[in-house]
C-alpha atoms as a PDB file:
ATOM      1  CA  MET A   1     -39.098  64.486  41.537  1.00  0.00           C
ATOM      2  CA  LEU A   2     -40.192  61.028  40.444  1.00  0.00           C
ATOM      3  CA  VAL A   3     -40.910  58.088  42.729  1.00  0.00           C
ATOM      4  CA  VAL A   4     -40.712  54.533  41.402  1.00  0.00           C
ATOM      5  CA  GLU A   5     -44.144  52.923  41.719  1.00  0.00           C
ATOM      6  CA  PHE A   6     -43.341  49.496  40.251  1.00  0.00           C
ATOM      7  CA  VAL A   7     -40.540  47.702  38.392  1.00  0.00           C
ATOM      8  CA  VAL A   8     -41.119  45.255  35.533  1.00  0.00           C
ATOM      9  CA  PRO A   9     -39.419  41.942  36.371  1.00  0.00           C
ATOM     10  CA  GLY A  10     -36.668  41.241  33.832  1.00  0.00           C
ATOM     11  CA  GLY A  11     -36.803  44.853  32.585  1.00  0.00           C
ATOM     12  CA  PRO A  12     -33.793  47.113  32.095  1.00  0.00           C
ATOM     13  CA  VAL A  13     -33.934  48.513  35.646  1.00  0.00           C
ATOM     14  CA  ASP A  14     -34.738  45.244  37.398  1.00  0.00           C
ATOM     15  CA  LYS A  15     -32.207  44.763  40.235  1.00  0.00           C
ATOM     16  CA  HIS A  16     -31.276  48.498  40.066  1.00  0.00           C
ATOM     17  CA  LEU A  17     -34.468  50.203  41.260  1.00  0.00           C
ATOM     18  CA  GLU A  18     -37.231  49.173  43.605  1.00  0.00           C
ATOM     19  CA  PRO A  19     -40.653  50.651  44.437  1.00  0.00           C
ATOM     20  CA  GLY A  20     -40.285  53.729  46.624  1.00  0.00           C
ATOM     21  CA  ASP A  21     -36.932  54.799  45.172  1.00  0.00           C
ATOM     22  CA  VAL A  22     -36.763  58.539  44.429  1.00  0.00           C
ATOM     23  CA  LEU A  23     -35.252  59.607  41.094  1.00  0.00           C
ATOM     24  CA  VAL A  24     -33.513  62.960  41.325  1.00  0.00           C
ATOM     25  CA  ARG A  25     -31.974  62.848  37.829  1.00  0.00           C
ATOM     26  CA  VAL A  26     -33.032  61.147  34.583  1.00  0.00           C
ATOM     27  CA  ASN A  27     -30.721  61.072  31.550  1.00  0.00           C
ATOM     28  CA  GLY A  28     -28.477  63.730  33.101  1.00  0.00           C
ATOM     29  CA  GLN A  29     -31.313  66.206  33.680  1.00  0.00           C
END
């Protein structure tokens, strides 16, 4: 399990993820 710690403004996940979000799958895995 991965937890988002920070998001780079203007990066590819900006507006999709925010700090504290839990990632349960990455690239289909």
